[in-house]
């Protein structure tokens, strides 16, 4: 698996506090079947010092320590850029924060109830030539309230990255329901761990998706094939199996379905 969203750099955000913790987390990634991670530390007003000048050298340091510890995990640069922070960053900085040096920028979905202003920021980024991957849309209240907003964004070529643990209830039943419904409606293009630690937010993509009952071909598409295309800047391959587009109509899933 190729993990495009994880917090593995030491002492930089809410991920591992020390280098030893980083190495333990890296070992857990490998044990979970991950061969490559993109270090997507938070770039937000909560972490105002985080930027390419700080993150790039830290990735190099971790890469050196991984090699010294004989941990077979490839690590690349990137960032999880907050919506509220992105407008203050110029294009060279945003380009340096793209995933693995490719054309895609990981944009953190807002946790606010309203999506007001979200599309304006998206419009600006697209006009500036950035290709956008939305992190954890299943946890974004605006998309719960207005799933048509996410559909409009996807129709414009924006991709999504859902957290693997969402499919097995790690963030509660509502988020699990939303993630499953988005998947069935073709609104999920990749899955990442969003790992922060070994227990509360652990590494792993394949195991949660398999436990959730996803077809093995779909698991590979979400966890390897699409991430590879994102890193390489190549066209996203078609899904190997059809999505189930008819989720149950009751409750939240019904509301999501009717919005289409």
C-alpha atoms as a PDB file:
ATOM      1  CA  UNK A   1       0.000   0.000   0.000  1.00  0.00           C
ATOM      2  CA  UNK A   2       0.998   3.623  -0.635  1.00  0.00           C
ATOM      3  CA  UNK A   3      -0.117   5.940   2.166  1.00  0.00           C
ATOM      4  CA  UNK A   4      -0.613   9.514   0.975  1.00  0.00           C
ATOM      5  CA  UNK A   5      -1.731  10.919   4.325  1.00  0.00           C
ATOM      6  CA  UNK A   6       0.025  10.251   7.612  1.00  0.00           C
ATOM      7  CA  UNK A   7       1.686  12.191  10.404  1.00  0.00           C
ATOM      8  CA  UNK A   8       5.070  10.571  10.896  1.00  0.00           C
ATOM      9  CA  UNK A   9       7.548  13.420  11.402  1.00  0.00           C
ATOM     10  CA  UNK A  10       8.695  13.855  15.017  1.00  0.00           C
ATOM     11  CA  UNK A  11       7.741  16.809  17.183  1.00  0.00           C
ATOM     12  CA  UNK A  12       6.141  18.813  14.398  1.00  0.00           C
ATOM     13  CA  UNK A  13       2.380  18.498  14.974  1.00  0.00           C
ATOM     14  CA  UNK A  14       0.026  16.048  16.731  1.00  0.00           C
ATOM     15  CA  UNK A  15       1.933  13.047  15.392  1.00  0.00           C
ATOM     16  CA  UNK A  16       4.857  11.247  17.077  1.00  0.00           C
ATOM     17  CA  UNK A  17       6.668  13.436  19.626  1.00  0.00           C
ATOM     18  CA  UNK A  18      10.152  11.928  19.247  1.00  0.00           C
ATOM     19  CA  UNK A  19      12.328  10.287  16.605  1.00  0.00           C
ATOM     20  CA  UNK A  20      12.057   6.968  18.433  1.00  0.00           C
ATOM     21  CA  UNK A  21       8.269   7.240  18.185  1.00  0.00           C
ATOM     22  CA  UNK A  22       8.630   8.009  14.486  1.00  0.00           C
ATOM     23  CA  UNK A  23      10.683   4.862  13.956  1.00  0.00           C
ATOM     24  CA  UNK A  24       8.151   2.772  15.893  1.00  0.00           C
ATOM     25  CA  UNK A  25       5.385   4.223  13.742  1.00  0.00           C
ATOM     26  CA  UNK A  26       7.382   3.437  10.606  1.00  0.00           C
ATOM     27  CA  UNK A  27       7.773  -0.180  11.712  1.00  0.00           C
ATOM     28  CA  UNK A  28       4.015  -0.369  12.234  1.00  0.00           C
ATOM     29  CA  UNK A  29       3.435   0.980   8.712  1.00  0.00           C
ATOM     30  CA  UNK A  30       5.644  -1.761   7.294  1.00  0.00           C
ATOM     31  CA  UNK A  31       3.940  -4.429   9.414  1.00  0.00           C
ATOM     32  CA  UNK A  32       0.586  -3.215   8.073  1.00  0.00           C
ATOM     33  CA  UNK A  33       1.730  -3.721   4.486  1.00  0.00           C
ATOM     34  CA  UNK A  34       2.672  -0.149   3.586  1.00  0.00           C
ATOM     35  CA  UNK A  35       5.793   0.383   1.482  1.00  0.00           C
ATOM     36  CA  UNK A  36       5.626   4.170   0.996  1.00  0.00           C
ATOM     37  CA  UNK A  37       4.288   7.066   3.033  1.00  0.00           C
ATOM     38  CA  UNK A  38       3.987  10.751   2.311  1.00  0.00           C
ATOM     39  CA  UNK A  39       4.722  12.799   5.424  1.00  0.00           C
ATOM     40  CA  UNK A  40       1.733  15.129   5.510  1.00  0.00           C
ATOM     41  CA  UNK A  41       2.282  17.225   8.610  1.00  0.00           C
ATOM     42  CA  UNK A  42      -0.237  19.933   9.368  1.00  0.00           C
ATOM     43  CA  UNK A  43       0.351  23.289   7.717  1.00  0.00           C
ATOM     44  CA  UNK A  44      -2.146  25.443   9.570  1.00  0.00           C
ATOM     45  CA  UNK A  45      -2.411  28.438  11.865  1.00  0.00           C
ATOM     46  CA  UNK A  46      -2.197  25.982  14.781  1.00  0.00           C
ATOM     47  CA  UNK A  47       1.285  25.084  13.529  1.00  0.00           C
ATOM     48  CA  UNK A  48       2.461  28.419  12.075  1.00  0.00           C
ATOM     49  CA  UNK A  49       6.120  27.421  11.741  1.00  0.00           C
ATOM     50  CA  UNK A  50       5.408  24.425   9.540  1.00  0.00           C
ATOM     51  CA  UNK A  51       6.361  24.936   5.915  1.00  0.00           C
ATOM     52  CA  UNK A  52       8.546  23.531   3.179  1.00  0.00           C
ATOM     53  CA  UNK A  53      11.792  24.907   4.675  1.00  0.00           C
ATOM     54  CA  UNK A  54      11.177  23.012   7.910  1.00  0.00           C
ATOM     55  CA  UNK A  55       9.441  19.882   6.620  1.00  0.00           C
ATOM     56  CA  UNK A  56      11.812  19.058   3.761  1.00  0.00           C
ATOM     57  CA  UNK A  57      14.987  18.731   5.870  1.00  0.00           C
ATOM     58  CA  UNK A  58      13.068  16.813   8.529  1.00  0.00           C
ATOM     59  CA  UNK A  59      11.929  14.275   5.936  1.00  0.00           C
ATOM     60  CA  UNK A  60      15.561  13.869   4.879  1.00  0.00           C
ATOM     61  CA  UNK A  61      16.570  13.277   8.492  1.00  0.00           C
ATOM     62  CA  UNK A  62      13.854  10.657   8.970  1.00  0.00           C
ATOM     63  CA  UNK A  63      14.866   9.016   5.701  1.00  0.00           C
ATOM     64  CA  UNK A  64      18.431   8.720   7.009  1.00  0.00           C
ATOM     65  CA  UNK A  65      17.251   7.262  10.310  1.00  0.00           C
ATOM     66  CA  UNK A  66      14.993   4.752   8.533  1.00  0.00           C
ATOM     67  CA  UNK A  67      17.947   3.533   6.497  1.00  0.00           C
ATOM     68  CA  UNK A  68      20.157   3.279   9.588  1.00  0.00           C
ATOM     69  CA  UNK A  69      17.487   1.244  11.367  1.00  0.00           C
ATOM     70  CA  UNK A  70      16.962  -0.972   8.292  1.00  0.00           C
ATOM     71  CA  UNK A  71      13.256  -0.109   8.137  1.00  0.00           C
ATOM     72  CA  UNK A  72      12.069  -0.708   4.541  1.00  0.00           C
ATOM     73  CA  UNK A  73       9.727   2.260   4.304  1.00  0.00           C
ATOM     74  CA  UNK A  74      10.042   4.932   1.629  1.00  0.00           C
ATOM     75  CA  UNK A  75       9.126   8.427   2.808  1.00  0.00           C
ATOM     76  CA  UNK A  76       8.305  11.444   0.654  1.00  0.00           C
ATOM     77  CA  UNK A  77       7.544  15.073   1.325  1.00  0.00           C
ATOM     78  CA  UNK A  78       4.102  16.613   1.455  1.00  0.00           C
ATOM     79  CA  UNK A  79       1.723  18.384   3.812  1.00  0.00           C
ATOM     80  CA  UNK A  80      -1.876  18.552   4.920  1.00  0.00           C
ATOM     81  CA  UNK A  81      -2.691  22.182   4.192  1.00  0.00           C
ATOM     82  CA  UNK A  82      -5.575  23.730   6.115  1.00  0.00           C
ATOM     83  CA  UNK A  83      -8.214  25.611   4.176  1.00  0.00           C
ATOM     84  CA  UNK A  84      -7.747  28.623   6.435  1.00  0.00           C
ATOM     85  CA  UNK A  85      -3.992  28.668   5.812  1.00  0.00           C
ATOM     86  CA  UNK A  86      -3.796  28.045   2.101  1.00  0.00           C
ATOM     87  CA  UNK A  87      -4.670  31.561   0.964  1.00  0.00           C
ATOM     88  CA  UNK A  88      -1.680  32.974   2.867  1.00  0.00           C
ATOM     89  CA  UNK A  89       0.773  30.748   0.975  1.00  0.00           C
ATOM     90  CA  UNK A  90       2.245  31.664  -2.395  1.00  0.00           C
ATOM     91  CA  UNK A  91       2.463  29.250  -5.311  1.00  0.00           C
ATOM     92  CA  UNK A  92       6.143  28.276  -4.871  1.00  0.00           C
ATOM     93  CA  UNK A  93       5.410  27.283  -1.268  1.00  0.00           C
ATOM     94  CA  UNK A  94       2.309  25.314  -2.233  1.00  0.00           C
ATOM     95  CA  UNK A  95       4.222  23.573  -5.003  1.00  0.00           C
ATOM     96  CA  UNK A  96       6.897  22.553  -2.496  1.00  0.00           C
ATOM     97  CA  UNK A  97       4.172  21.120  -0.251  1.00  0.00           C
ATOM     98  CA  UNK A  98       2.591  18.953  -2.930  1.00  0.00           C
ATOM     99  CA  UNK A  99       2.482  15.201  -2.426  1.00  0.00           C
ATOM    100  CA  UNK A 100       5.798  13.570  -3.222  1.00  0.00           C
ATOM    101  CA  UNK A 101       6.852  16.381  -5.532  1.00  0.00           C
ATOM    102  CA  UNK A 102       3.974  15.653  -7.906  1.00  0.00           C
ATOM    103  CA  UNK A 103       1.127  17.913  -9.050  1.00  0.00           C
ATOM    104  CA  UNK A 104      -1.360  17.136  -6.250  1.00  0.00           C
ATOM    105  CA  UNK A 105      -1.895  19.177  -3.082  1.00  0.00           C
ATOM    106  CA  UNK A 106      -3.546  17.583  -0.028  1.00  0.00           C
ATOM    107  CA  UNK A 107      -6.136  20.019   1.288  1.00  0.00           C
ATOM    108  CA  UNK A 108      -7.660  19.491   4.708  1.00  0.00           C
ATOM    109  CA  UNK A 109     -11.443  19.570   4.626  1.00  0.00           C
ATOM    110  CA  UNK A 110     -12.886  22.040   7.126  1.00  0.00           C
ATOM    111  CA  UNK A 111     -14.579  20.739  10.265  1.00  0.00           C
ATOM    112  CA  UNK A 112     -17.023  23.663  10.335  1.00  0.00           C
ATOM    113  CA  UNK A 113     -20.752  23.010   9.770  1.00  0.00           C
ATOM    114  CA  UNK A 114     -20.904  25.287   6.736  1.00  0.00           C
ATOM    115  CA  UNK A 115     -19.147  25.016   3.406  1.00  0.00           C
ATOM    116  CA  UNK A 116     -19.412  28.751   2.833  1.00  0.00           C
ATOM    117  CA  UNK A 117     -16.323  30.048   1.073  1.00  0.00           C
ATOM    118  CA  UNK A 118     -14.981  26.549   0.436  1.00  0.00           C
ATOM    119  CA  UNK A 119     -15.690  26.618  -3.284  1.00  0.00           C
ATOM    120  CA  UNK A 120     -14.153  30.079  -3.617  1.00  0.00           C
ATOM    121  CA  UNK A 121     -10.866  28.786  -2.227  1.00  0.00           C
ATOM    122  CA  UNK A 122     -11.097  25.777  -4.531  1.00  0.00           C
ATOM    123  CA  UNK A 123     -11.727  28.058  -7.517  1.00  0.00           C
ATOM    124  CA  UNK A 124      -8.647  30.103  -6.674  1.00  0.00           C
ATOM    125  CA  UNK A 125      -6.390  27.067  -6.262  1.00  0.00           C
ATOM    126  CA  UNK A 126      -7.578  25.478  -9.490  1.00  0.00           C
ATOM    127  CA  UNK A 127      -7.044  28.736 -11.369  1.00  0.00           C
ATOM    128  CA  UNK A 128      -3.467  28.767 -10.029  1.00  0.00           C
ATOM    129  CA  UNK A 129      -2.810  25.327 -11.507  1.00  0.00           C
ATOM    130  CA  UNK A 130      -3.006  23.150  -8.406  1.00  0.00           C
ATOM    131  CA  UNK A 131      -4.621  19.720  -8.506  1.00  0.00           C
ATOM    132  CA  UNK A 132      -6.448  18.979  -5.293  1.00  0.00           C
ATOM    133  CA  UNK A 133      -6.866  15.908  -3.123  1.00  0.00           C
ATOM    134  CA  UNK A 134      -9.357  16.431  -0.290  1.00  0.00           C
ATOM    135  CA  UNK A 135      -8.425  14.831   3.031  1.00  0.00           C
ATOM    136  CA  UNK A 136     -11.094  12.995   5.063  1.00  0.00           C
ATOM    137  CA  UNK A 137     -14.263  14.433   3.431  1.00  0.00           C
ATOM    138  CA  UNK A 138     -16.258  11.848   5.388  1.00  0.00           C
ATOM    139  CA  UNK A 139     -15.515  13.871   8.547  1.00  0.00           C
ATOM    140  CA  UNK A 140     -16.475  17.223   7.032  1.00  0.00           C
ATOM    141  CA  UNK A 141     -19.849  18.419   8.413  1.00  0.00           C
ATOM    142  CA  UNK A 142     -20.428  20.565   5.332  1.00  0.00           C
ATOM    143  CA  UNK A 143     -20.453  17.447   3.156  1.00  0.00           C
ATOM    144  CA  UNK A 144     -22.780  15.694   5.606  1.00  0.00           C
ATOM    145  CA  UNK A 145     -25.226  18.564   5.245  1.00  0.00           C
ATOM    146  CA  UNK A 146     -24.687  19.116   1.525  1.00  0.00           C
ATOM    147  CA  UNK A 147     -23.269  16.045  -0.238  1.00  0.00           C
ATOM    148  CA  UNK A 148     -24.034  17.732  -3.560  1.00  0.00           C
ATOM    149  CA  UNK A 149     -21.157  20.111  -2.768  1.00  0.00           C
ATOM    150  CA  UNK A 150     -18.711  17.206  -2.789  1.00  0.00           C
ATOM    151  CA  UNK A 151     -20.253  15.872  -5.981  1.00  0.00           C
ATOM    152  CA  UNK A 152     -19.724  19.237  -7.680  1.00  0.00           C
ATOM    153  CA  UNK A 153     -16.083  19.266  -6.627  1.00  0.00           C
ATOM    154  CA  UNK A 154     -15.495  15.724  -7.879  1.00  0.00           C
ATOM    155  CA  UNK A 155     -17.099  16.605 -11.197  1.00  0.00           C
ATOM    156  CA  UNK A 156     -14.464  19.332 -11.533  1.00  0.00           C
ATOM    157  CA  UNK A 157     -11.636  16.834 -11.254  1.00  0.00           C
ATOM    158  CA  UNK A 158     -10.958  17.024  -7.536  1.00  0.00           C
ATOM    159  CA  UNK A 159     -10.115  13.716  -5.850  1.00  0.00           C
ATOM    160  CA  UNK A 160     -10.832  12.529  -2.331  1.00  0.00           C
ATOM    161  CA  UNK A 161      -8.830  10.614   0.276  1.00  0.00           C
ATOM    162  CA  UNK A 162     -10.935   8.888   2.925  1.00  0.00           C
ATOM    163  CA  UNK A 163      -9.402   7.585   6.148  1.00  0.00           C
ATOM    164  CA  UNK A 164      -9.257   3.786   6.279  1.00  0.00           C
ATOM    165  CA  UNK A 165     -10.448   3.635   9.878  1.00  0.00           C
ATOM    166  CA  UNK A 166     -13.657   5.425   8.942  1.00  0.00           C
ATOM    167  CA  UNK A 167     -14.932   2.265   7.248  1.00  0.00           C
ATOM    168  CA  UNK A 168     -14.726   0.271  10.494  1.00  0.00           C
ATOM    169  CA  UNK A 169     -16.222   2.856  12.842  1.00  0.00           C
ATOM    170  CA  UNK A 170     -13.060   4.422  14.253  1.00  0.00           C
ATOM    171  CA  UNK A 171     -14.673   7.870  14.111  1.00  0.00           C
ATOM    172  CA  UNK A 172     -18.183   6.777  15.040  1.00  0.00           C
ATOM    173  CA  UNK A 173     -21.155   5.279  13.252  1.00  0.00           C
ATOM    174  CA  UNK A 174     -22.186   8.455  11.435  1.00  0.00           C
ATOM    175  CA  UNK A 175     -18.785   8.902   9.801  1.00  0.00           C
ATOM    176  CA  UNK A 176     -18.729   5.192   8.956  1.00  0.00           C
ATOM    177  CA  UNK A 177     -22.109   5.533   7.283  1.00  0.00           C
ATOM    178  CA  UNK A 178     -21.013   8.595   5.327  1.00  0.00           C
ATOM    179  CA  UNK A 179     -17.753   6.974   4.183  1.00  0.00           C
ATOM    180  CA  UNK A 180     -19.601   3.875   2.988  1.00  0.00           C
ATOM    181  CA  UNK A 181     -22.202   5.938   1.172  1.00  0.00           C
ATOM    182  CA  UNK A 182     -19.606   8.136  -0.506  1.00  0.00           C
ATOM    183  CA  UNK A 183     -17.795   4.998  -1.653  1.00  0.00           C
ATOM    184  CA  UNK A 184     -20.946   3.510  -3.127  1.00  0.00           C
ATOM    185  CA  UNK A 185     -21.616   6.744  -4.978  1.00  0.00           C
ATOM    186  CA  UNK A 186     -18.155   6.851  -6.527  1.00  0.00           C
ATOM    187  CA  UNK A 187     -16.966   9.799  -4.437  1.00  0.00           C
ATOM    188  CA  UNK A 188     -13.976   8.009  -2.889  1.00  0.00           C
ATOM    189  CA  UNK A 189     -10.826   7.805  -4.999  1.00  0.00           C
ATOM    190  CA  UNK A 190      -8.148   6.825  -2.491  1.00  0.00           C
ATOM    191  CA  UNK A 191      -7.785   5.699   1.099  1.00  0.00           C
ATOM    192  CA  UNK A 192      -5.023   6.634   3.559  1.00  0.00           C
ATOM    193  CA  UNK A 193      -4.319   5.844   7.189  1.00  0.00           C
ATOM    194  CA  UNK A 194      -4.040   9.407   8.550  1.00  0.00           C
ATOM    195  CA  UNK A 195      -1.890   7.662  11.158  1.00  0.00           C
ATOM    196  CA  UNK A 196      -0.704   9.668  14.151  1.00  0.00           C
ATOM    197  CA  UNK A 197       0.340   6.994  16.654  1.00  0.00           C
ATOM    198  CA  UNK A 198       0.273   3.262  17.383  1.00  0.00           C
ATOM    199  CA  UNK A 199      -3.057   3.038  19.200  1.00  0.00           C
ATOM    200  CA  UNK A 200      -5.605   5.809  18.752  1.00  0.00           C
ATOM    201  CA  UNK A 201      -4.805   6.556  15.091  1.00  0.00           C
ATOM    202  CA  UNK A 202      -2.670   3.612  13.920  1.00  0.00           C
ATOM    203  CA  UNK A 203      -1.179   2.851  10.499  1.00  0.00           C
ATOM    204  CA  UNK A 204      -2.829   0.491   8.076  1.00  0.00           C
ATOM    205  CA  UNK A 205      -4.966   0.634   4.953  1.00  0.00           C
ATOM    206  CA  UNK A 206      -5.532  -2.922   3.782  1.00  0.00           C
ATOM    207  CA  UNK A 207      -6.718  -4.447   7.066  1.00  0.00           C
ATOM    208  CA  UNK A 208      -9.549  -1.971   7.810  1.00  0.00           C
ATOM    209  CA  UNK A 209     -10.811  -2.087   4.217  1.00  0.00           C
ATOM    210  CA  UNK A 210     -10.729  -5.877   4.172  1.00  0.00           C
ATOM    211  CA  UNK A 211     -12.535  -5.998   7.514  1.00  0.00           C
ATOM    212  CA  UNK A 212     -15.157  -3.658   6.070  1.00  0.00           C
ATOM    213  CA  UNK A 213     -15.832  -6.209   3.335  1.00  0.00           C
ATOM    214  CA  UNK A 214     -14.414  -4.378   0.314  1.00  0.00           C
ATOM    215  CA  UNK A 215     -13.479  -6.371  -2.766  1.00  0.00           C
ATOM    216  CA  UNK A 216      -9.710  -7.073  -2.803  1.00  0.00           C
ATOM    217  CA  UNK A 217      -9.387  -5.463  -6.241  1.00  0.00           C
ATOM    218  CA  UNK A 218     -11.064  -2.327  -4.926  1.00  0.00           C
ATOM    219  CA  UNK A 219      -8.792  -2.321  -1.873  1.00  0.00           C
ATOM    220  CA  UNK A 220      -5.748  -2.313  -4.137  1.00  0.00           C
ATOM    221  CA  UNK A 221      -7.217   0.402  -6.359  1.00  0.00           C
ATOM    222  CA  UNK A 222      -7.910   2.665  -3.368  1.00  0.00           C
ATOM    223  CA  UNK A 223      -4.696   1.944  -1.500  1.00  0.00           C
ATOM    224  CA  UNK A 224      -2.170   1.500  -4.295  1.00  0.00           C
ATOM    225  CA  UNK A 225      -3.245   2.155  -7.874  1.00  0.00           C
ATOM    226  CA  UNK A 226      -4.799   5.602  -7.436  1.00  0.00           C
ATOM    227  CA  UNK A 227      -2.117   6.770  -4.963  1.00  0.00           C
ATOM    228  CA  UNK A 228       0.530   5.691  -7.466  1.00  0.00           C
ATOM    229  CA  UNK A 229      -1.155   7.740 -10.201  1.00  0.00           C
ATOM    230  CA  UNK A 230      -1.361  10.737  -7.861  1.00  0.00           C
ATOM    231  CA  UNK A 231       2.335  10.539  -7.025  1.00  0.00           C
ATOM    232  CA  UNK A 232       3.338  10.037 -10.663  1.00  0.00           C
ATOM    233  CA  UNK A 233       0.960  12.672 -12.043  1.00  0.00           C
ATOM    234  CA  UNK A 234      -0.580  10.149 -14.424  1.00  0.00           C
ATOM    235  CA  UNK A 235      -4.286   9.620 -15.229  1.00  0.00           C
ATOM    236  CA  UNK A 236      -6.278   7.945 -12.490  1.00  0.00           C
ATOM    237  CA  UNK A 237      -7.124   4.364 -13.527  1.00  0.00           C
ATOM    238  CA  UNK A 238     -10.713   3.212 -13.694  1.00  0.00           C
ATOM    239  CA  UNK A 239     -12.018   1.261 -10.721  1.00  0.00           C
ATOM    240  CA  UNK A 240     -11.649  -2.491 -11.336  1.00  0.00           C
ATOM    241  CA  UNK A 241     -15.109  -3.345  -9.999  1.00  0.00           C
ATOM    242  CA  UNK A 242     -18.351  -1.354 -10.123  1.00  0.00           C
ATOM    243  CA  UNK A 243     -19.497   0.650  -7.119  1.00  0.00           C
ATOM    244  CA  UNK A 244     -22.801  -0.169  -5.454  1.00  0.00           C
ATOM    245  CA  UNK A 245     -24.747   3.040  -6.083  1.00  0.00           C
ATOM    246  CA  UNK A 246     -27.905   2.050  -4.202  1.00  0.00           C
ATOM    247  CA  UNK A 247     -27.304   2.361  -0.441  1.00  0.00           C
ATOM    248  CA  UNK A 248     -30.224   1.950   1.997  1.00  0.00           C
ATOM    249  CA  UNK A 249     -32.670   4.842   1.951  1.00  0.00           C
ATOM    250  CA  UNK A 250     -33.247   5.243   5.673  1.00  0.00           C
ATOM    251  CA  UNK A 251     -31.511   7.717   7.931  1.00  0.00           C
ATOM    252  CA  UNK A 252     -28.403   9.601   6.899  1.00  0.00           C
ATOM    253  CA  UNK A 253     -27.688   7.385   3.915  1.00  0.00           C
ATOM    254  CA  UNK A 254     -31.148   8.089   2.593  1.00  0.00           C
ATOM    255  CA  UNK A 255     -30.580  11.828   2.917  1.00  0.00           C
ATOM    256  CA  UNK A 256     -27.260  11.526   1.135  1.00  0.00           C
ATOM    257  CA  UNK A 257     -28.855   9.481  -1.633  1.00  0.00           C
ATOM    258  CA  UNK A 258     -31.787  11.852  -2.101  1.00  0.00           C
ATOM    259  CA  UNK A 259     -29.379  14.780  -2.444  1.00  0.00           C
ATOM    260  CA  UNK A 260     -28.150  13.295  -5.708  1.00  0.00           C
END
